[in-house]
Amino acid sequence: MRTGVSKLNQEILTGNLKKQFLKYLIPAISGNLTYGLLIFIDSVFIGRGVGPLGLSALNISLPIFTLVSFGMMIGIGGATAAGIDLGKRNFESRNKIFTYSIIMGVLISLSFSLLLVLNLDKVSILLGANKEIFGLVKSYIGVISWSILFYIMPHILTNFIRNDNNPKLAMYYLFICSVLNIVLDYIFIFPLNMGMAGAAIATSIAQGVGTLFLLTHFLTKNNTLYLKKVYLDFSIIMRIIKIGASTFINEICIGIVVIISNYQFFKYLGNNGIAAYAIILNLKLLIYLTLSAFGQGMQPLISINYGGKNYQRVIATFKMATYSTIALSIIFYLILISNIEYFVGMFNKDNLEIIKIAKIGFPLFYCSLIFTGINIQFCSFFQSIEHGKIASIINFGRGVVLISILLYVLPMIFGVTGLWISYLINEVLTTGYIIFYYKKRFSLN
């Protein structure tokens, strides 16, 4: 085992940086998109099979998926800490962190499943379900509640597996989940006419099969991660949480903002407004996860090189990821605003009001993409070198405080346009603060 770990360590510390970055980036994009594609596929089938009310119900239900933030927190926090210890050649500590991460993920998953199953009505109302869509919302989250384990654990497993020199497994995981979900969505929604519940069942089965597939890594000869007998050690738990807190806060904030946004869009535009926002949000989720993958792809390189005090490679990797996301954001924006009717048509068959709302919203909402990409990379960078506190502050300020204020204030001044530009102003102000902090107060030592 030590030979395999040492080889991995040496490759990251001294190997070709661009080659190493691509080695982790491409599988990270593939694996990261699984979560987004599952929701995206559900949205397309629900939009066409159930209709606009089903699409609105799905958007109301989306915050339930922020529970995966616990998996992201543990996965990124644990894998980063383990990566830094790997750079320091502290192999025993690395496997203790892995063991704690797995135990935490299982306990949290089972606890949330029990809590949701016993409180479906209350949760549906809390998410903002109105009378028209209450039954649809409850039907969807009722199924998801039983399978939380299969949504949380992959985020933990993929981060550790990626760091254990098997990043391609996430690509195969994506393929299995996506293909299975498409097939099952079609069967359950159309021939079997199971509606929202059918979509949730299809997604959950796909996630369950994908989770079992990820476990095959631990049966391979190249695996260097092992569960160890551990005793309660709060210092390890707190280290994982401290590093991963930024990601947790960011994902929870996304759920809170979706709830606030749904309320505001319903207030100004009704259920058609929520449906149009759902289409835009689904597309943004895929883009967001793609941009986030650059941060996840650079994490093993930055964490291990930081642990090995190879700071020049740390900065070079960070710049590579940031410049790439800026270029990709521009490409995404041009594609989106040039094909608005096509993208809306994927979800909506003949509701002209939804198309009208989306045509106004697309250009304004997606102006924020470049700044979103920059903000994601800076927060990922701070996390990767165990500067989680500043990343958490940035994500909380950007993810809840500032955007909530803007979503309420700007529509009072600019009407519906104020809703759309809130996201742009939020990201621009955040980027300004991050750059100021990085130049004036941050030093790598």
Protein backbone atom coordinates (compact mmCIF):
# COMPACT_ATOMS: atom_id res chain seq x y z
CA MET A 1 0.00 0.00 0.00
CA ARG A 2 2.78 2.43 0.88
CA THR A 3 4.31 1.97 -2.59
CA GLY A 4 1.04 2.92 -4.27
CA VAL A 5 0.57 5.99 -2.05
CA SER A 6 4.16 7.13 -2.58
CA LYS A 7 3.80 6.81 -6.36
CA LEU A 8 0.62 8.90 -6.31
CA ASN A 9 2.32 11.45 -4.09
CA GLN A 10 5.33 11.75 -6.39
CA GLU A 11 3.23 12.13 -9.55
CA ILE A 12 1.32 15.07 -8.11
CA LEU A 13 4.39 16.74 -6.61
CA THR A 14 6.65 16.50 -9.66
CA GLY A 15 4.63 15.34 -12.70
CA ASN A 16 3.57 17.48 -15.67
CA LEU A 17 1.12 19.96 -14.16
CA LYS A 18 -1.21 20.34 -17.14
CA LYS A 19 -1.38 16.59 -17.62
CA GLN A 20 -2.09 16.04 -13.93
CA PHE A 21 -4.74 18.77 -13.93
CA LEU A 22 -6.57 17.23 -16.91
CA LYS A 23 -6.29 13.81 -15.31
CA TYR A 24 -8.39 15.01 -12.37
CA LEU A 25 -10.47 17.66 -14.16
CA ILE A 26 -12.19 15.57 -16.83
CA PRO A 27 -13.47 12.88 -14.43
CA ALA A 28 -14.43 15.62 -11.93
CA ILE A 29 -16.62 17.29 -14.56
CA SER A 30 -18.21 13.96 -15.47
CA GLY A 31 -18.83 12.93 -11.88
CA ASN A 32 -20.05 16.35 -10.82
CA LEU A 33 -22.57 16.52 -13.64
CA THR A 34 -24.29 13.36 -12.41
CA TYR A 35 -26.16 15.21 -9.68
CA GLY A 36 -27.18 17.98 -12.08
CA LEU A 37 -28.08 15.63 -14.92
CA LEU A 38 -30.36 13.57 -12.70
CA ILE A 39 -32.37 16.68 -11.84
CA PHE A 40 -32.12 17.98 -15.42
CA ILE A 41 -33.43 14.71 -16.86
CA ASP A 42 -36.26 14.65 -14.32
CA SER A 43 -37.13 18.23 -15.29
CA VAL A 44 -37.34 17.47 -19.02
CA PHE A 45 -39.53 14.40 -18.53
CA ILE A 46 -41.72 16.07 -15.90
CA GLY A 47 -42.11 19.23 -18.00
CA ARG A 48 -43.33 17.19 -20.95
CA GLY A 49 -45.08 14.36 -19.11
CA VAL A 50 -46.72 16.18 -16.18
CA GLY A 51 -46.76 19.77 -17.51
CA PRO A 52 -45.95 23.26 -16.17
CA LEU A 53 -47.41 22.50 -12.74
CA GLY A 54 -45.13 19.47 -12.48
CA LEU A 55 -42.15 21.64 -13.42
CA SER A 56 -43.15 24.17 -10.76
CA ALA A 57 -43.53 21.37 -8.20
CA LEU A 58 -40.08 20.04 -9.04
CA ASN A 59 -38.54 23.48 -8.56
CA ILE A 60 -40.29 23.80 -5.21
CA SER A 61 -38.83 20.39 -4.29
CA LEU A 62 -35.27 21.16 -5.38
CA PRO A 63 -34.11 22.53 -2.00
CA ILE A 64 -34.51 19.01 -0.61
CA PHE A 65 -31.43 18.11 -2.64
CA THR A 66 -29.37 20.57 -0.61
CA LEU A 67 -29.10 17.70 1.88
CA VAL A 68 -26.33 16.45 -0.41
CA SER A 69 -24.37 19.42 0.93
CA PHE A 70 -23.57 17.22 3.94
CA GLY A 71 -22.01 14.71 1.57
CA MET A 72 -20.11 17.47 -0.22
CA MET A 73 -18.90 18.92 3.07
CA ILE A 74 -17.66 15.56 4.34
CA GLY A 75 -16.28 14.48 0.97
CA ILE A 76 -14.39 17.69 0.19
CA GLY A 77 -13.39 18.30 3.81
CA GLY A 78 -12.25 14.73 4.35
CA ALA A 79 -10.50 14.34 0.99
CA THR A 80 -8.70 17.67 1.38
CA ALA A 81 -7.47 16.84 4.88
CA ALA A 82 -6.45 13.38 3.68
CA GLY A 83 -4.68 14.91 0.68
CA ILE A 84 -2.68 17.29 2.85
CA ASP A 85 -1.70 14.42 5.15
CA LEU A 86 -0.71 12.41 2.08
CA GLY A 87 1.59 15.27 1.05
CA LYS A 88 3.12 15.08 4.52
CA ARG A 89 3.38 11.26 4.20
CA ASN A 90 1.12 10.75 7.21
CA PHE A 91 -0.57 7.61 5.87
CA GLU A 92 -2.15 6.46 9.15
CA SER A 93 -4.00 9.74 9.64
CA ARG A 94 -5.22 9.63 6.02
CA ASN A 95 -7.12 6.38 6.55
CA LYS A 96 -8.53 7.53 9.88
CA ILE A 97 -9.99 10.57 8.10
CA PHE A 98 -11.46 8.28 5.43
CA THR A 99 -13.07 6.06 8.07
CA TYR A 100 -14.59 8.99 9.95
CA SER A 101 -15.94 10.41 6.67
CA ILE A 102 -17.75 7.19 5.78
CA ILE A 103 -19.25 6.81 9.27
CA MET A 104 -20.43 10.43 9.32
CA GLY A 105 -22.04 10.09 5.88
CA VAL A 106 -24.01 6.97 6.78
CA LEU A 107 -25.28 8.33 10.11
CA ILE A 108 -26.33 11.67 8.64
CA SER A 109 -28.10 10.01 5.69
CA LEU A 110 -30.15 7.67 7.84
CA SER A 111 -31.06 10.46 10.27
CA PHE A 112 -32.38 12.72 7.51
CA SER A 113 -34.35 9.91 5.88
CA LEU A 114 -36.16 9.23 9.15
CA LEU A 115 -36.79 12.93 9.76
CA LEU A 116 -38.24 13.51 6.29
CA VAL A 117 -40.42 10.41 6.20
CA LEU A 118 -42.08 11.44 9.47
CA ASN A 119 -42.69 15.06 8.40
CA LEU A 120 -43.61 15.07 4.70
CA ASP A 121 -46.56 17.49 4.98
CA LYS A 122 -44.62 19.99 7.07
CA VAL A 123 -41.59 19.84 4.78
CA SER A 124 -43.74 20.35 1.66
CA ILE A 125 -45.34 23.45 3.17
CA LEU A 126 -41.98 24.74 4.40
CA LEU A 127 -40.55 24.47 0.89
CA GLY A 128 -43.35 26.73 -0.35
CA ALA A 129 -45.83 24.33 -1.98
CA ASN A 130 -49.11 26.14 -2.77
CA LYS A 131 -52.51 24.42 -3.05
CA GLU A 132 -52.17 23.70 -6.78
CA ILE A 133 -48.94 21.74 -6.46
CA PHE A 134 -48.92 20.49 -2.84
CA GLY A 135 -49.78 16.90 -3.83
CA LEU A 136 -47.15 16.85 -6.57
CA VAL A 137 -44.44 18.14 -4.22
CA LYS A 138 -45.31 15.65 -1.50
CA SER A 139 -45.37 12.79 -4.02
CA TYR A 140 -41.86 13.64 -5.25
CA ILE A 141 -40.07 14.23 -1.95
CA GLY A 142 -41.88 11.29 -0.38
CA VAL A 143 -39.87 8.95 -2.58
CA ILE A 144 -36.60 10.88 -2.29
CA SER A 145 -36.86 10.72 1.52
CA TRP A 146 -36.31 6.97 1.54
CA SER A 147 -33.14 7.14 -0.56
CA ILE A 148 -31.11 10.02 0.92
CA LEU A 149 -28.19 7.63 1.49
CA PHE A 150 -27.76 7.22 -2.29
CA TYR A 151 -27.58 10.98 -2.80
CA ILE A 152 -25.15 11.80 0.02
CA MET A 153 -22.64 8.92 -0.13
CA PRO A 154 -21.53 9.34 -3.78
CA HIS A 155 -20.28 12.85 -2.98
CA ILE A 156 -18.09 11.40 -0.22
CA LEU A 157 -16.91 8.41 -2.21
CA THR A 158 -16.06 10.26 -5.43
CA ASN A 159 -13.84 12.79 -3.64
CA PHE A 160 -11.78 10.09 -1.91
CA ILE A 161 -11.69 7.84 -4.98
CA ARG A 162 -10.53 10.76 -7.14
CA ASN A 163 -7.70 11.44 -4.69
CA ASP A 164 -6.82 7.75 -4.65
CA ASN A 165 -5.64 7.87 -8.27
CA ASN A 166 -8.90 6.58 -9.80
CA PRO A 167 -10.59 9.71 -11.19
CA LYS A 168 -12.02 7.89 -14.23
CA LEU A 169 -14.41 5.88 -12.08
CA ALA A 170 -16.57 9.00 -11.72
CA MET A 171 -16.97 9.07 -15.52
CA TYR A 172 -18.34 5.53 -15.55
CA TYR A 173 -20.54 6.39 -12.59
CA LEU A 174 -22.00 9.29 -14.61
CA PHE A 175 -22.71 7.07 -17.60
CA ILE A 176 -24.45 4.39 -15.54
CA CYS A 177 -26.58 6.86 -13.56
CA SER A 178 -27.57 8.98 -16.56
CA VAL A 179 -28.50 6.17 -18.94
CA LEU A 180 -30.42 4.27 -16.28
CA ASN A 181 -32.24 7.42 -15.18
CA ILE A 182 -33.32 8.29 -18.73
CA VAL A 183 -34.68 4.79 -19.36
CA LEU A 184 -36.49 4.58 -16.03
CA ASP A 185 -37.86 8.14 -16.27
CA TYR A 186 -39.46 7.29 -19.58
CA ILE A 187 -40.92 4.01 -18.30
CA PHE A 188 -42.31 5.39 -15.03
CA ILE A 189 -43.64 8.71 -16.36
CA PHE A 190 -45.11 7.69 -19.74
CA PRO A 191 -46.08 3.99 -20.07
CA LEU A 192 -46.74 3.56 -16.33
CA ASN A 193 -48.10 7.12 -15.88
CA MET A 194 -46.61 7.46 -12.36
CA GLY A 195 -45.95 11.21 -12.64
CA MET A 196 -43.81 12.89 -10.01
CA ALA A 197 -43.41 9.73 -7.94
CA GLY A 198 -42.20 7.88 -11.03
CA ALA A 199 -39.53 10.49 -11.71
CA ALA A 200 -38.31 10.29 -8.10
CA ILE A 201 -38.23 6.48 -8.18
CA ALA A 202 -36.23 6.51 -11.42
CA THR A 203 -33.66 8.95 -10.03
CA SER A 204 -33.32 7.09 -6.74
CA ILE A 205 -32.79 3.71 -8.42
CA ALA A 206 -30.15 5.24 -10.70
CA GLN A 207 -28.37 6.79 -7.72
CA GLY A 208 -28.48 3.52 -5.79
CA VAL A 209 -26.96 1.52 -8.63
CA GLY A 210 -24.33 4.24 -9.11
CA THR A 211 -23.39 4.14 -5.42
CA LEU A 212 -22.87 0.37 -5.55
CA PHE A 213 -20.69 0.81 -8.64
CA LEU A 214 -18.44 3.32 -6.84
CA LEU A 215 -17.79 0.75 -4.13
CA THR A 216 -16.01 -1.45 -6.67
CA HIS A 217 -12.97 0.83 -6.30
CA PHE A 218 -12.27 -0.68 -2.90
CA LEU A 219 -12.02 -4.16 -4.43
CA THR A 220 -9.25 -3.18 -6.86
CA LYS A 221 -5.57 -3.85 -6.26
CA ASN A 222 -4.72 -0.15 -6.64
CA ASN A 223 -6.93 0.91 -3.73
CA THR A 224 -4.98 2.50 -0.88
CA LEU A 225 -7.96 3.54 1.26
CA TYR A 226 -9.01 1.30 4.13
CA LEU A 227 -11.48 1.48 7.00
CA LYS A 228 -9.76 1.41 10.36
CA LYS A 229 -10.92 0.75 13.87
CA VAL A 230 -11.38 4.22 15.34
CA TYR A 231 -12.52 5.78 18.58
CA LEU A 232 -14.40 9.03 18.97
CA ASP A 233 -12.02 11.87 18.13
CA PHE A 234 -13.65 15.28 17.80
CA SER A 235 -10.45 16.82 16.45
CA ILE A 236 -10.73 14.74 13.25
CA ILE A 237 -14.46 15.45 12.93
CA MET A 238 -13.93 19.17 13.39
CA ARG A 239 -11.07 19.21 10.90
CA ILE A 240 -13.29 17.63 8.24
CA ILE A 241 -16.16 20.02 9.01
CA LYS A 242 -13.92 23.09 9.16
CA ILE A 243 -12.46 22.46 5.70
CA GLY A 244 -15.76 21.40 4.13
CA ALA A 245 -17.90 24.06 5.82
CA SER A 246 -17.57 26.45 2.89
CA THR A 247 -19.07 23.94 0.46
CA PHE A 248 -21.79 23.06 2.97
CA ILE A 249 -22.72 26.70 3.46
CA ASN A 250 -22.71 27.33 -0.29
CA GLU A 251 -25.04 24.41 -1.04
CA ILE A 252 -27.40 25.20 1.83
CA CYS A 253 -27.47 28.80 0.65
CA ILE A 254 -28.47 27.66 -2.83
CA GLY A 255 -31.47 25.86 -1.34
CA ILE A 256 -32.48 28.89 0.72
CA VAL A 257 -32.15 31.21 -2.28
CA VAL A 258 -34.26 28.86 -4.42
CA ILE A 259 -37.03 29.05 -1.80
CA ILE A 260 -36.81 32.86 -1.66
CA SER A 261 -36.64 33.11 -5.46
CA ASN A 262 -39.66 30.83 -5.89
CA TYR A 263 -41.63 33.05 -3.54
CA GLN A 264 -40.62 36.21 -5.41
CA PHE A 265 -41.26 34.76 -8.88
CA PHE A 266 -44.67 33.50 -7.78
CA LYS A 267 -45.44 36.94 -6.34
CA TYR A 268 -44.59 38.78 -9.55
CA LEU A 269 -45.26 36.15 -12.26
CA GLY A 270 -47.30 33.28 -10.76
CA ASN A 271 -46.70 29.57 -11.41
CA ASN A 272 -45.53 30.31 -14.97
CA GLY A 273 -42.81 32.47 -13.45
CA ILE A 274 -41.69 29.62 -11.23
CA ALA A 275 -41.71 27.27 -14.24
CA ALA A 276 -39.58 29.70 -16.30
CA TYR A 277 -37.20 30.13 -13.37
CA ALA A 278 -37.06 26.32 -13.03
CA ILE A 279 -35.88 25.99 -16.64
CA ILE A 280 -33.21 28.65 -16.16
CA LEU A 281 -32.15 27.16 -12.83
CA ASN A 282 -31.81 23.65 -14.27
CA LEU A 283 -29.52 24.88 -17.01
CA LYS A 284 -27.56 27.00 -14.55
CA LEU A 285 -27.14 23.99 -12.25
CA LEU A 286 -25.38 22.04 -15.01
CA ILE A 287 -23.10 25.01 -15.72
CA TYR A 288 -22.45 25.63 -12.02
CA LEU A 289 -21.50 22.01 -11.47
CA THR A 290 -19.20 22.11 -14.50
CA LEU A 291 -17.43 25.20 -13.16
CA SER A 292 -17.29 23.67 -9.67
CA ALA A 293 -15.56 20.63 -11.15
CA PHE A 294 -12.54 22.81 -11.94
CA GLY A 295 -12.25 23.51 -8.22
CA GLN A 296 -12.62 19.82 -7.40
CA GLY A 297 -10.15 18.87 -10.13
CA MET A 298 -7.49 21.18 -8.77
CA GLN A 299 -8.08 20.17 -5.13
CA PRO A 300 -5.85 17.04 -5.04
CA LEU A 301 -3.03 18.92 -6.80
CA ILE A 302 -3.27 21.96 -4.54
CA SER A 303 -3.78 20.08 -1.26
CA ILE A 304 -0.94 17.59 -1.77
CA ASN A 305 1.48 20.23 -3.12
CA TYR A 306 0.53 22.55 -0.28
CA GLY A 307 1.22 19.77 2.22
CA GLY A 308 4.58 19.22 0.48
CA LYS A 309 5.31 23.01 0.60
CA ASN A 310 5.52 23.17 -3.18
CA TYR A 311 3.80 26.57 -3.35
CA GLN A 312 4.76 27.47 -6.92
CA ARG A 313 2.75 24.52 -8.24
CA VAL A 314 -0.14 25.48 -5.96
CA ILE A 315 -0.44 28.95 -7.52
CA ALA A 316 0.11 27.65 -11.06
CA THR A 317 -2.71 25.12 -10.65
CA PHE A 318 -5.05 27.77 -9.26
CA LYS A 319 -4.40 30.13 -12.17
CA MET A 320 -4.94 27.32 -14.67
CA ALA A 321 -8.37 26.52 -13.19
CA THR A 322 -9.45 30.16 -12.92
CA TYR A 323 -8.52 31.20 -16.46
CA SER A 324 -10.22 28.08 -17.81
CA THR A 325 -13.50 28.82 -16.02
CA ILE A 326 -13.53 32.41 -17.30
CA ALA A 327 -13.17 31.22 -20.90
CA LEU A 328 -15.76 28.48 -20.43
CA SER A 329 -18.26 30.90 -18.84
CA ILE A 330 -18.10 33.18 -21.88
CA ILE A 331 -18.74 30.21 -24.19
CA PHE A 332 -21.69 29.04 -22.09
CA TYR A 333 -23.23 32.53 -22.12
CA LEU A 334 -23.01 32.87 -25.90
CA ILE A 335 -24.55 29.44 -26.45
CA LEU A 336 -27.41 30.09 -24.03
CA ILE A 337 -28.53 33.48 -25.29
CA SER A 338 -28.27 32.32 -28.92
CA ASN A 339 -30.59 29.34 -28.38
CA ILE A 340 -33.19 30.45 -25.83
CA GLU A 341 -36.24 28.96 -27.57
CA TYR A 342 -34.47 25.63 -28.11
CA PHE A 343 -33.54 25.26 -24.42
CA VAL A 344 -36.99 26.35 -23.21
CA GLY A 345 -38.59 23.94 -25.69
CA MET A 346 -36.81 21.02 -24.06
CA PHE A 347 -38.97 21.50 -20.97
CA ASN A 348 -42.06 23.27 -22.32
CA LYS A 349 -44.26 22.12 -25.21
CA ASP A 350 -46.67 24.99 -25.89
CA ASN A 351 -46.92 27.46 -22.99
CA LEU A 352 -46.14 30.79 -24.71
CA GLU A 353 -46.10 32.73 -21.44
CA ILE A 354 -43.19 30.66 -20.12
CA ILE A 355 -41.27 31.28 -23.36
CA LYS A 356 -41.93 35.02 -23.08
CA ILE A 357 -40.69 35.17 -19.47
CA ALA A 358 -37.59 33.09 -20.27
CA LYS A 359 -36.63 35.30 -23.23
CA ILE A 360 -36.41 38.28 -20.88
CA GLY A 361 -34.69 36.35 -18.10
CA PHE A 362 -31.98 34.42 -19.97
CA PRO A 363 -29.70 37.33 -21.00
CA LEU A 364 -30.00 39.11 -17.65
CA PHE A 365 -29.65 36.08 -15.39
CA TYR A 366 -26.69 34.50 -17.18
CA CYS A 367 -24.63 37.72 -17.26
CA SER A 368 -23.38 36.59 -13.86
CA LEU A 369 -21.64 33.43 -15.16
CA ILE A 370 -18.10 34.83 -15.48
CA PHE A 371 -18.14 36.22 -11.94
CA THR A 372 -19.71 33.02 -10.60
CA GLY A 373 -16.82 31.01 -12.06
CA ILE A 374 -14.21 33.30 -10.50
CA ASN A 375 -15.90 33.16 -7.09
CA ILE A 376 -16.13 29.36 -7.18
CA GLN A 377 -12.42 28.96 -7.94
CA PHE A 378 -11.28 31.32 -5.20
CA CYS A 379 -13.42 29.56 -2.59
CA SER A 380 -12.19 26.14 -3.77
CA PHE A 381 -8.61 27.39 -3.57
CA PHE A 382 -9.00 28.62 0.01
CA GLN A 383 -10.61 25.30 0.99
CA SER A 384 -7.86 23.26 -0.63
CA ILE A 385 -5.18 24.85 1.58
CA GLU A 386 -7.26 24.63 4.79
CA HIS A 387 -8.26 28.32 4.78
CA GLY A 388 -11.89 27.30 5.12
CA LYS A 389 -12.94 30.22 7.31
CA ILE A 390 -12.66 32.90 4.63
CA ALA A 391 -14.32 30.60 2.09
CA SER A 392 -17.23 30.07 4.48
CA ILE A 393 -17.60 33.81 5.10
CA ILE A 394 -17.61 34.51 1.36
CA ASN A 395 -20.14 31.79 0.57
CA PHE A 396 -22.49 32.81 3.37
CA GLY A 397 -22.34 36.49 2.44
CA ARG A 398 -22.79 35.78 -1.26
CA GLY A 399 -25.13 32.82 -0.88
CA VAL A 400 -27.70 34.15 1.59
CA VAL A 401 -27.21 37.62 3.01
CA LEU A 402 -26.50 39.74 -0.05
CA ILE A 403 -28.65 37.88 -2.59
CA SER A 404 -31.65 37.80 -0.22
CA ILE A 405 -31.48 41.57 0.22
CA LEU A 406 -31.14 42.12 -3.53
CA LEU A 407 -34.03 39.79 -4.39
CA TYR A 408 -36.37 41.80 -2.16
CA VAL A 409 -35.09 45.32 -2.79
CA LEU A 410 -34.37 45.42 -6.54
CA PRO A 411 -37.84 44.22 -7.69
CA MET A 412 -39.35 47.10 -5.71
CA ILE A 413 -37.26 49.50 -7.81
CA PHE A 414 -37.03 47.79 -11.22
CA GLY A 415 -39.94 45.33 -11.15
CA VAL A 416 -39.37 41.87 -12.67
CA THR A 417 -36.07 43.04 -14.20
CA GLY A 418 -34.82 43.56 -10.64
CA LEU A 419 -35.32 39.85 -9.96
CA TRP A 420 -33.06 38.85 -12.84
CA ILE A 421 -30.24 41.37 -12.25
CA SER A 422 -30.05 40.51 -8.53
CA TYR A 423 -27.89 37.50 -9.35
CA LEU A 424 -25.46 39.55 -11.47
CA ILE A 425 -24.98 42.29 -8.88
CA ASN A 426 -24.52 39.68 -6.14
CA GLU A 427 -21.70 37.90 -8.00
CA VAL A 428 -19.96 41.14 -9.10
CA LEU A 429 -19.82 42.52 -5.56
CA THR A 430 -18.52 39.18 -4.26
CA THR A 431 -15.76 39.06 -6.88
CA GLY A 432 -14.70 42.58 -5.93
CA TYR A 433 -14.39 41.63 -2.26
CA ILE A 434 -12.49 38.38 -3.00
CA ILE A 435 -9.92 40.10 -5.22
CA PHE A 436 -9.42 42.83 -2.61
CA TYR A 437 -8.90 40.22 0.12
CA TYR A 438 -6.55 38.12 -1.99
CA LYS A 439 -4.32 41.05 -2.97
CA LYS A 440 -4.28 42.92 0.34
CA ARG A 441 -4.58 40.32 3.08
CA PHE A 442 -3.73 36.87 1.78
CA SER A 443 -0.29 35.31 1.73
CA LEU A 444 0.76 31.74 1.05
CA ASN A 445 3.09 30.51 3.74
